[in-house]
């Protein structure tokens, strides 16, 4: 919170302060209701009656007013910059949250695809073990090659960018 120094009045000399105090005291003894009016009148008159020795106080007061105005301007600029930083931080936080959610969905999708691939491999292995190749050894090698080729094709299909985009669109829907 900024302190407004523009309303601060410089002190006068000791004799001027003493005269003010005496007039206030006389005013209070005469009329208690009029004392505040005399006080304000004394303050106004005494501000005008500054001696040449205290003219520098008026210059200092003007300099202080300028400094206060500069400080208030700087504080408002800092406040504006702080709000901008907070807003951009909030946007970045929201963006990171969205990216994290997308990453978790992708990991979940990949995990499911790998589980399905393992099940397919287990099924193929069972089928191969169930099939008795009665023929020559060449047919066994052809069968193993076909199974290996099928597994590679499934792996390439799952890992392709088109499949990833397709799975993301399915997960988003």
N, C-alpha and C. Protein backbone atom coordinates (compact mmCIF):
# COMPACT_ATOMS: atom_id res chain seq x y z
N UNK A 1 0.86 -1.16 0.00
CA UNK A 1 0.00 0.00 0.00
C UNK A 1 0.90 1.22 0.00
N UNK A 2 0.68 2.17 -0.90
CA UNK A 2 1.51 3.36 -1.03
C UNK A 2 1.17 4.37 0.07
N UNK A 3 2.19 5.05 0.54
CA UNK A 3 1.99 6.10 1.54
C UNK A 3 1.96 7.43 0.80
N UNK A 4 0.94 8.19 1.04
CA UNK A 4 0.79 9.47 0.37
C UNK A 4 1.48 10.53 1.20
N UNK A 5 2.67 10.95 0.77
CA UNK A 5 3.43 11.97 1.49
C UNK A 5 3.09 13.38 1.03
N UNK A 6 2.19 13.49 0.07
CA UNK A 6 1.86 14.81 -0.45
C UNK A 6 1.11 15.67 0.58
N UNK A 7 0.50 15.05 1.57
CA UNK A 7 -0.26 15.82 2.56
C UNK A 7 0.59 16.20 3.77
N UNK A 8 1.85 15.80 3.80
CA UNK A 8 2.73 16.09 4.94
C UNK A 8 3.24 17.52 4.82
N UNK A 9 3.09 18.29 5.88
CA UNK A 9 3.55 19.67 5.91
C UNK A 9 4.86 19.74 6.69
N UNK A 10 5.82 20.52 6.22
CA UNK A 10 7.08 20.63 6.97
C UNK A 10 6.88 21.47 8.24
N UNK A 11 7.71 21.19 9.23
CA UNK A 11 7.64 21.95 10.48
C UNK A 11 8.23 23.34 10.29
N UNK A 12 7.74 24.28 11.07
CA UNK A 12 8.29 25.63 11.04
C UNK A 12 9.39 25.78 12.09
N UNK A 13 9.81 27.02 12.32
CA UNK A 13 10.83 27.25 13.34
C UNK A 13 10.23 27.09 14.73
N UNK A 14 11.09 27.05 15.76
CA UNK A 14 10.61 26.87 17.14
C UNK A 14 9.74 28.04 17.56
N UNK A 15 10.10 29.25 17.18
CA UNK A 15 9.30 30.41 17.59
C UNK A 15 7.91 30.37 16.96
N UNK A 16 7.82 29.94 15.69
CA UNK A 16 6.53 29.85 15.02
C UNK A 16 5.69 28.77 15.68
N UNK A 17 6.28 27.63 16.02
CA UNK A 17 5.56 26.56 16.69
C UNK A 17 5.08 27.00 18.06
N UNK A 18 5.92 27.77 18.77
CA UNK A 18 5.55 28.27 20.10
C UNK A 18 4.37 29.23 19.98
N UNK A 19 4.39 30.12 18.98
CA UNK A 19 3.30 31.06 18.79
C UNK A 19 1.99 30.30 18.47
N UNK A 20 2.09 29.28 17.66
CA UNK A 20 0.90 28.47 17.35
C UNK A 20 0.33 27.86 18.61
N UNK A 21 1.19 27.29 19.43
CA UNK A 21 0.74 26.63 20.66
C UNK A 21 0.07 27.65 21.59
N UNK A 22 0.64 28.84 21.71
CA UNK A 22 0.07 29.86 22.60
C UNK A 22 -1.29 30.31 22.07
N UNK A 23 -1.42 30.52 20.77
CA UNK A 23 -2.70 30.94 20.21
C UNK A 23 -3.76 29.86 20.39
N UNK A 24 -3.36 28.59 20.21
CA UNK A 24 -4.30 27.48 20.41
C UNK A 24 -4.78 27.44 21.85
N UNK A 25 -3.83 27.64 22.77
CA UNK A 25 -4.18 27.60 24.19
C UNK A 25 -5.14 28.74 24.54
N UNK A 26 -4.87 29.95 24.02
CA UNK A 26 -5.76 31.08 24.28
C UNK A 26 -7.14 30.82 23.66
N UNK A 27 -7.16 30.23 22.49
CA UNK A 27 -8.42 29.93 21.83
C UNK A 27 -9.22 28.91 22.60
N UNK A 28 -8.58 27.95 23.18
CA UNK A 28 -9.29 26.92 23.96
C UNK A 28 -9.87 27.51 25.23
N UNK A 29 -9.12 28.39 25.84
CA UNK A 29 -9.63 28.98 27.08
C UNK A 29 -10.80 29.91 26.80
N UNK A 30 -10.81 30.59 25.64
CA UNK A 30 -11.90 31.49 25.31
C UNK A 30 -13.16 30.73 24.88
N UNK A 31 -12.98 29.81 23.98
CA UNK A 31 -14.13 29.08 23.44
C UNK A 31 -13.67 27.69 23.00
N UNK A 32 -14.18 26.68 23.64
CA UNK A 32 -13.74 25.32 23.32
C UNK A 32 -14.20 24.90 21.92
N UNK A 33 -15.30 25.40 21.44
CA UNK A 33 -15.80 25.02 20.13
C UNK A 33 -14.99 25.66 19.01
N UNK A 34 -14.45 26.81 19.21
CA UNK A 34 -13.73 27.51 18.15
C UNK A 34 -12.26 27.16 18.11
N UNK A 35 -11.79 26.29 18.96
CA UNK A 35 -10.36 25.97 19.03
C UNK A 35 -9.87 25.31 17.75
N UNK A 36 -10.65 24.42 17.18
CA UNK A 36 -10.20 23.73 15.98
C UNK A 36 -10.13 24.70 14.80
N UNK A 37 -11.03 25.67 14.77
CA UNK A 37 -10.99 26.67 13.70
C UNK A 37 -9.73 27.52 13.82
N UNK A 38 -9.36 27.90 15.07
CA UNK A 38 -8.13 28.68 15.26
C UNK A 38 -6.91 27.85 14.89
N UNK A 39 -6.95 26.59 15.21
CA UNK A 39 -5.82 25.71 14.90
C UNK A 39 -5.60 25.66 13.41
N UNK A 40 -6.68 25.46 12.65
CA UNK A 40 -6.54 25.39 11.20
C UNK A 40 -6.12 26.73 10.63
N UNK A 41 -6.62 27.81 11.20
CA UNK A 41 -6.23 29.14 10.72
C UNK A 41 -4.74 29.37 11.00
N UNK A 42 -4.29 28.95 12.19
CA UNK A 42 -2.87 29.09 12.52
C UNK A 42 -2.01 28.30 11.54
N UNK A 43 -2.44 27.09 11.20
CA UNK A 43 -1.66 26.27 10.29
C UNK A 43 -1.55 26.93 8.92
N UNK A 44 -2.65 27.49 8.44
CA UNK A 44 -2.64 28.13 7.13
C UNK A 44 -1.73 29.36 7.14
N UNK A 45 -1.84 30.18 8.19
CA UNK A 45 -1.02 31.39 8.26
C UNK A 45 0.45 31.05 8.41
N UNK A 46 0.74 30.06 9.23
CA UNK A 46 2.13 29.73 9.49
C UNK A 46 2.80 29.14 8.26
N UNK A 47 2.05 28.46 7.43
CA UNK A 47 2.65 27.94 6.20
C UNK A 47 3.09 29.07 5.29
N UNK A 48 2.33 30.16 5.32
CA UNK A 48 2.68 31.31 4.48
C UNK A 48 3.81 32.14 5.09
N UNK A 49 3.99 32.05 6.41
CA UNK A 49 4.96 32.88 7.10
C UNK A 49 6.32 32.21 7.26
N UNK A 50 6.64 31.23 6.46
CA UNK A 50 7.95 30.59 6.57
C UNK A 50 9.03 31.62 6.25
N UNK A 51 10.01 31.64 7.09
CA UNK A 51 11.09 32.58 6.89
C UNK A 51 12.00 32.14 5.76
N UNK A 52 12.90 33.01 5.37
CA UNK A 52 13.80 32.67 4.28
C UNK A 52 14.72 31.50 4.65
N UNK A 53 14.91 31.27 5.95
CA UNK A 53 15.75 30.16 6.37
C UNK A 53 15.10 28.81 6.06
N UNK A 54 13.77 28.83 5.93
CA UNK A 54 13.06 27.57 5.74
C UNK A 54 12.45 27.43 4.35
N UNK A 55 12.87 28.25 3.42
CA UNK A 55 12.38 28.14 2.04
C UNK A 55 12.79 26.80 1.43
N UNK A 56 13.91 26.28 1.88
CA UNK A 56 14.37 24.99 1.36
C UNK A 56 13.38 23.87 1.69
N UNK A 57 12.58 24.10 2.76
CA UNK A 57 11.59 23.08 3.11
C UNK A 57 10.51 22.97 2.02
N UNK A 58 10.14 24.13 1.45
CA UNK A 58 9.15 24.09 0.37
C UNK A 58 9.73 23.37 -0.85
N UNK A 59 11.02 23.63 -1.11
CA UNK A 59 11.67 22.93 -2.23
C UNK A 59 11.72 21.43 -1.96
N UNK A 60 12.04 21.08 -0.72
CA UNK A 60 12.07 19.66 -0.35
C UNK A 60 10.69 19.04 -0.46
N UNK A 61 9.66 19.81 -0.05
CA UNK A 61 8.29 19.31 -0.13
C UNK A 61 7.92 19.05 -1.59
N UNK A 62 8.28 19.95 -2.47
CA UNK A 62 7.99 19.76 -3.89
C UNK A 62 8.76 18.56 -4.43
N UNK A 63 10.01 18.42 -4.00
CA UNK A 63 10.80 17.28 -4.45
C UNK A 63 10.20 15.97 -3.93
N UNK A 64 9.74 15.99 -2.68
CA UNK A 64 9.11 14.80 -2.11
C UNK A 64 7.82 14.45 -2.86
N UNK A 65 7.04 15.46 -3.22
CA UNK A 65 5.81 15.20 -3.98
C UNK A 65 6.15 14.54 -5.31
N UNK A 66 7.21 15.05 -5.97
CA UNK A 66 7.64 14.45 -7.24
C UNK A 66 8.11 13.02 -7.04
N UNK A 67 8.86 12.79 -5.97
CA UNK A 67 9.35 11.45 -5.66
C UNK A 67 8.20 10.50 -5.36
N UNK A 68 7.21 10.98 -4.61
CA UNK A 68 6.03 10.16 -4.30
C UNK A 68 5.29 9.81 -5.58
N UNK A 69 5.14 10.78 -6.47
CA UNK A 69 4.45 10.51 -7.74
C UNK A 69 5.21 9.47 -8.54
N UNK A 70 6.55 9.58 -8.56
CA UNK A 70 7.35 8.58 -9.28
C UNK A 70 7.22 7.20 -8.65
N UNK A 71 7.25 7.17 -7.32
CA UNK A 71 7.14 5.89 -6.62
C UNK A 71 5.78 5.25 -6.88
N UNK A 72 4.72 6.06 -6.85
CA UNK A 72 3.39 5.52 -7.12
C UNK A 72 3.29 4.99 -8.55
N UNK A 73 3.91 5.70 -9.49
CA UNK A 73 3.94 5.23 -10.88
C UNK A 73 4.70 3.92 -11.00
N UNK A 74 5.84 3.84 -10.32
CA UNK A 74 6.63 2.60 -10.36
C UNK A 74 5.87 1.45 -9.73
N UNK A 75 5.19 1.73 -8.64
CA UNK A 75 4.42 0.68 -7.97
C UNK A 75 3.28 0.20 -8.87
N UNK A 76 2.64 1.13 -9.56
CA UNK A 76 1.55 0.71 -10.46
C UNK A 76 2.10 -0.10 -11.63
N UNK A 77 3.28 0.27 -12.13
CA UNK A 77 3.89 -0.51 -13.20
C UNK A 77 4.26 -1.91 -12.70
N UNK A 78 4.81 -1.98 -11.50
CA UNK A 78 5.16 -3.28 -10.92
C UNK A 78 3.92 -4.14 -10.73
N UNK A 79 2.85 -3.51 -10.30
CA UNK A 79 1.59 -4.23 -10.11
C UNK A 79 1.09 -4.78 -11.45
N UNK A 80 1.17 -3.97 -12.48
CA UNK A 80 0.74 -4.40 -13.81
C UNK A 80 1.59 -5.56 -14.30
N UNK A 81 2.91 -5.44 -14.13
CA UNK A 81 3.81 -6.51 -14.55
C UNK A 81 3.55 -7.79 -13.75
N UNK A 82 3.30 -7.64 -12.48
CA UNK A 82 3.02 -8.81 -11.63
C UNK A 82 1.74 -9.50 -12.09
N UNK A 83 0.71 -8.73 -12.43
CA UNK A 83 -0.53 -9.32 -12.92
C UNK A 83 -0.30 -10.05 -14.24
N UNK A 84 0.52 -9.46 -15.12
CA UNK A 84 0.81 -10.10 -16.40
C UNK A 84 1.56 -11.42 -16.17
N UNK A 85 2.52 -11.40 -15.26
CA UNK A 85 3.28 -12.61 -14.96
C UNK A 85 2.37 -13.68 -14.38
N UNK A 86 1.48 -13.29 -13.47
CA UNK A 86 0.55 -14.25 -12.88
C UNK A 86 -0.37 -14.84 -13.94
N UNK A 87 -0.84 -14.01 -14.87
CA UNK A 87 -1.72 -14.50 -15.93
C UNK A 87 -0.98 -15.48 -16.85
N UNK A 88 0.25 -15.12 -17.24
CA UNK A 88 1.00 -16.03 -18.11
C UNK A 88 1.37 -17.31 -17.37
N UNK A 89 1.63 -17.20 -16.08
CA UNK A 89 1.92 -18.40 -15.28
C UNK A 89 0.70 -19.30 -15.22
N UNK A 90 -0.47 -18.71 -15.06
CA UNK A 90 -1.71 -19.50 -15.01
C UNK A 90 -1.95 -20.19 -16.36
N UNK A 91 -1.71 -19.46 -17.47
CA UNK A 91 -1.89 -20.07 -18.79
C UNK A 91 -0.91 -21.22 -18.98
N UNK A 92 0.34 -21.03 -18.57
CA UNK A 92 1.34 -22.08 -18.70
C UNK A 92 0.96 -23.29 -17.86
N UNK A 93 0.44 -23.04 -16.67
CA UNK A 93 0.01 -24.13 -15.80
C UNK A 93 -1.13 -24.92 -16.44
N UNK A 94 -2.08 -24.23 -17.02
CA UNK A 94 -3.20 -24.89 -17.68
C UNK A 94 -2.71 -25.70 -18.88
N UNK A 95 -1.77 -25.12 -19.64
CA UNK A 95 -1.22 -25.81 -20.80
C UNK A 95 -0.50 -27.09 -20.36
N UNK A 96 0.30 -26.99 -19.29
CA UNK A 96 1.01 -28.16 -18.80
C UNK A 96 0.04 -29.23 -18.30
N UNK A 97 -1.04 -28.81 -17.65
CA UNK A 97 -2.04 -29.78 -17.20
C UNK A 97 -2.65 -30.52 -18.39
N UNK A 98 -2.98 -29.79 -19.44
CA UNK A 98 -3.56 -30.43 -20.63
C UNK A 98 -2.56 -31.40 -21.27
N UNK A 99 -1.30 -30.96 -21.36
CA UNK A 99 -0.28 -31.83 -21.94
C UNK A 99 -0.07 -33.07 -21.10
N UNK A 100 -0.11 -32.93 -19.79
CA UNK A 100 0.06 -34.07 -18.90
C UNK A 100 -1.10 -35.05 -19.06
N UNK A 101 -2.32 -34.53 -19.17
CA UNK A 101 -3.47 -35.40 -19.37
C UNK A 101 -3.35 -36.16 -20.69
N UNK A 102 -2.91 -35.45 -21.75
CA UNK A 102 -2.74 -36.10 -23.04
C UNK A 102 -1.67 -37.18 -22.96
N UNK A 103 -0.58 -36.88 -22.26
CA UNK A 103 0.50 -37.86 -22.11
C UNK A 103 0.01 -39.10 -21.36
N UNK A 104 -0.77 -38.91 -20.31
CA UNK A 104 -1.31 -40.05 -19.58
C UNK A 104 -2.24 -40.88 -20.46
N UNK A 105 -3.04 -40.22 -21.30
CA UNK A 105 -3.92 -40.96 -22.21
C UNK A 105 -3.09 -41.78 -23.20
N UNK A 106 -2.01 -41.16 -23.71
CA UNK A 106 -1.16 -41.86 -24.67
C UNK A 106 -0.48 -43.07 -24.01
N UNK A 107 -0.01 -42.89 -22.79
CA UNK A 107 0.63 -44.01 -22.07
C UNK A 107 -0.38 -45.12 -21.84
N UNK A 108 -1.57 -44.76 -21.45
CA UNK A 108 -2.63 -45.76 -21.22
C UNK A 108 -2.95 -46.51 -22.52
N UNK A 109 -3.04 -45.78 -23.63
CA UNK A 109 -3.33 -46.39 -24.92
C UNK A 109 -2.21 -47.35 -25.32
N UNK A 110 -0.97 -46.90 -25.16
CA UNK A 110 0.17 -47.76 -25.50
C UNK A 110 0.20 -49.01 -24.62
N UNK A 111 -0.11 -48.85 -23.36
CA UNK A 111 -0.15 -49.99 -22.45
C UNK A 111 -1.20 -51.00 -22.91
N UNK A 112 -2.37 -50.52 -23.28
CA UNK A 112 -3.43 -51.42 -23.76
C UNK A 112 -3.00 -52.11 -25.06
N UNK A 113 -2.36 -51.36 -25.96
CA UNK A 113 -1.91 -51.96 -27.23
C UNK A 113 -0.86 -53.04 -26.97
N UNK A 114 0.05 -52.78 -26.05
CA UNK A 114 1.07 -53.78 -25.74
C UNK A 114 0.45 -55.02 -25.12
N UNK A 115 -0.55 -54.84 -24.26
CA UNK A 115 -1.23 -55.99 -23.67
C UNK A 115 -1.93 -56.81 -24.75
N UNK A 116 -2.57 -56.12 -25.71
CA UNK A 116 -3.24 -56.85 -26.80
C UNK A 116 -2.22 -57.58 -27.67
N UNK A 117 -1.08 -56.94 -27.89
CA UNK A 117 -0.04 -57.56 -28.70
C UNK A 117 0.51 -58.81 -28.00
N UNK A 118 0.69 -58.74 -26.69
CA UNK A 118 1.14 -59.90 -25.94
C UNK A 118 0.12 -61.03 -26.04
N UNK A 119 -1.16 -60.69 -25.96
CA UNK A 119 -2.21 -61.71 -26.09
C UNK A 119 -2.19 -62.34 -27.48
N UNK A 120 -1.97 -61.51 -28.51
CA UNK A 120 -1.90 -62.04 -29.88
C UNK A 120 -0.71 -62.97 -30.01
N UNK A 121 0.44 -62.57 -29.46
CA UNK A 121 1.63 -63.42 -29.52
C UNK A 121 1.41 -64.74 -28.78
N UNK A 122 0.75 -64.69 -27.63
CA UNK A 122 0.47 -65.92 -26.88
C UNK A 122 -0.47 -66.83 -27.68
N UNK A 123 -1.46 -66.23 -28.31
CA UNK A 123 -2.39 -67.01 -29.14
C UNK A 123 -1.68 -67.65 -30.32
N UNK A 124 -0.82 -66.89 -30.98
CA UNK A 124 -0.07 -67.44 -32.10
C UNK A 124 0.85 -68.56 -31.64
N UNK A 125 1.46 -68.37 -30.49
CA UNK A 125 2.35 -69.40 -29.97
C UNK A 125 1.57 -70.68 -29.68
N UNK A 126 0.37 -70.54 -29.10
CA UNK A 126 -0.47 -71.72 -28.84
C UNK A 126 -0.88 -72.40 -30.14
N UNK A 127 -1.23 -71.60 -31.14
CA UNK A 127 -1.63 -72.18 -32.42
C UNK A 127 -0.46 -72.92 -33.07
N UNK A 128 0.70 -72.34 -32.98
CA UNK A 128 1.87 -72.98 -33.58
C UNK A 128 2.18 -74.29 -32.85
N UNK A 129 2.08 -74.24 -31.53
CA UNK A 129 2.35 -75.47 -30.77
C UNK A 129 1.29 -76.53 -31.03
N UNK A 130 0.05 -76.10 -31.29
CA UNK A 130 -1.03 -77.05 -31.57
C UNK A 130 -0.91 -77.66 -32.97
N UNK A 131 -0.38 -76.91 -33.88
CA UNK A 131 -0.28 -77.40 -35.25
C UNK A 131 0.95 -78.32 -35.33
N UNK A 132 0.69 -79.48 -35.82
CA UNK A 132 1.79 -80.41 -36.03
C UNK A 132 2.14 -80.36 -37.50
N UNK A 133 3.30 -79.88 -37.70
CA UNK A 133 3.73 -79.86 -39.10
C UNK A 133 4.33 -81.24 -39.37
N UNK A 134 3.61 -82.03 -40.12
CA UNK A 134 4.03 -83.39 -40.44
C UNK A 134 4.99 -83.40 -41.62
N UNK A 135 5.04 -82.31 -42.25
CA UNK A 135 5.83 -82.29 -43.46
C UNK A 135 7.28 -81.97 -43.13
N UNK A 136 7.96 -81.60 -44.08
CA UNK A 136 9.40 -81.39 -43.95
C UNK A 136 9.73 -80.21 -43.06
N UNK A 137 10.96 -80.15 -42.78
CA UNK A 137 11.47 -79.08 -41.92
C UNK A 137 11.30 -77.71 -42.60
N UNK A 138 11.24 -77.65 -43.87
CA UNK A 138 11.09 -76.40 -44.60
C UNK A 138 9.76 -75.73 -44.26
N UNK A 139 8.70 -76.57 -44.15
CA UNK A 139 7.39 -76.01 -43.81
C UNK A 139 7.40 -75.42 -42.39
N UNK A 140 8.13 -76.00 -41.49
CA UNK A 140 8.23 -75.47 -40.13
C UNK A 140 8.92 -74.10 -40.15
N UNK A 141 9.97 -73.99 -40.93
CA UNK A 141 10.67 -72.70 -41.05
C UNK A 141 9.79 -71.64 -41.72
N UNK A 142 9.01 -72.05 -42.71
CA UNK A 142 8.10 -71.13 -43.37
C UNK A 142 7.05 -70.66 -42.37
N UNK A 143 6.53 -71.55 -41.55
CA UNK A 143 5.53 -71.19 -40.53
C UNK A 143 6.10 -70.22 -39.50
N UNK A 144 7.30 -70.51 -39.04
CA UNK A 144 7.94 -69.61 -38.06
C UNK A 144 8.21 -68.26 -38.70
N UNK A 145 8.63 -68.26 -39.95
CA UNK A 145 8.88 -67.00 -40.67
C UNK A 145 7.60 -66.20 -40.86
N UNK A 146 6.50 -66.89 -41.18
CA UNK A 146 5.22 -66.21 -41.36
C UNK A 146 4.73 -65.60 -40.05
N UNK A 147 4.88 -66.37 -38.97
CA UNK A 147 4.46 -65.86 -37.66
C UNK A 147 5.32 -64.65 -37.27
N UNK A 148 6.62 -64.76 -37.47
CA UNK A 148 7.51 -63.64 -37.13
C UNK A 148 7.18 -62.42 -37.99
N UNK A 149 6.89 -62.64 -39.28
CA UNK A 149 6.52 -61.53 -40.15
C UNK A 149 5.21 -60.89 -39.73
N UNK A 150 4.26 -61.72 -39.32
CA UNK A 150 2.97 -61.21 -38.84
C UNK A 150 3.17 -60.38 -37.58
N UNK A 151 4.00 -60.86 -36.67
CA UNK A 151 4.28 -60.11 -35.44
C UNK A 151 4.95 -58.77 -35.75
N UNK A 152 5.88 -58.79 -36.67
CA UNK A 152 6.56 -57.53 -37.05
C UNK A 152 5.58 -56.56 -37.69
N UNK A 153 4.68 -57.07 -38.52
CA UNK A 153 3.70 -56.21 -39.17
C UNK A 153 2.77 -55.58 -38.15
N UNK A 154 2.36 -56.36 -37.16
CA UNK A 154 1.49 -55.82 -36.11
C UNK A 154 2.22 -54.75 -35.31
N UNK A 155 3.49 -55.02 -34.99
CA UNK A 155 4.29 -54.05 -34.23
C UNK A 155 4.46 -52.76 -35.02
N UNK A 156 4.76 -52.84 -36.32
CA UNK A 156 4.92 -51.65 -37.15
C UNK A 156 3.60 -50.88 -37.27
N UNK A 157 2.51 -51.60 -37.40
CA UNK A 157 1.21 -50.96 -37.51
C UNK A 157 0.88 -50.19 -36.24
N UNK A 158 1.14 -50.79 -35.09
CA UNK A 158 0.82 -50.15 -33.81
C UNK A 158 1.71 -48.93 -33.58
N UNK A 159 2.96 -49.01 -33.99
CA UNK A 159 3.91 -47.92 -33.73
C UNK A 159 3.86 -46.83 -34.80
N UNK A 160 3.11 -46.99 -35.87
CA UNK A 160 3.09 -45.98 -36.93
C UNK A 160 2.42 -44.69 -36.46
N UNK A 161 2.87 -43.54 -36.98
CA UNK A 161 2.26 -42.26 -36.59
C UNK A 161 0.77 -42.19 -36.95
N UNK A 162 0.38 -42.80 -38.03
CA UNK A 162 -1.02 -42.78 -38.41
C UNK A 162 -1.87 -43.51 -37.37
N UNK A 163 -1.35 -44.64 -36.86
CA UNK A 163 -2.10 -45.38 -35.84
C UNK A 163 -2.17 -44.60 -34.54
N UNK A 164 -1.09 -43.87 -34.19
CA UNK A 164 -1.09 -43.07 -32.97
C UNK A 164 -2.12 -41.94 -33.09
N UNK A 165 -2.16 -41.27 -34.23
CA UNK A 165 -3.13 -40.20 -34.45
C UNK A 165 -4.55 -40.78 -34.41
N UNK A 166 -4.75 -41.93 -35.03
CA UNK A 166 -6.06 -42.57 -35.04
C UNK A 166 -6.49 -42.93 -33.63
N UNK A 167 -5.58 -43.46 -32.83
CA UNK A 167 -5.90 -43.85 -31.45
C UNK A 167 -6.19 -42.60 -30.60
N UNK A 168 -5.46 -41.53 -30.84
CA UNK A 168 -5.72 -40.28 -30.09
C UNK A 168 -7.11 -39.74 -30.43
N UNK A 169 -7.47 -39.80 -31.68
CA UNK A 169 -8.81 -39.31 -32.07
C UNK A 169 -9.89 -40.20 -31.46
N UNK A 170 -9.63 -41.50 -31.37
CA UNK A 170 -10.59 -42.40 -30.73
C UNK A 170 -10.69 -42.11 -29.23
N UNK A 171 -9.57 -41.84 -28.59
CA UNK A 171 -9.55 -41.56 -27.16
C UNK A 171 -10.20 -40.20 -26.87
N UNK A 172 -10.03 -39.24 -27.77
CA UNK A 172 -10.61 -37.91 -27.57
C UNK A 172 -12.13 -37.97 -27.71
N UNK A 173 -12.60 -38.84 -28.56
CA UNK A 173 -14.05 -38.93 -28.78
C UNK A 173 -14.69 -39.66 -27.68
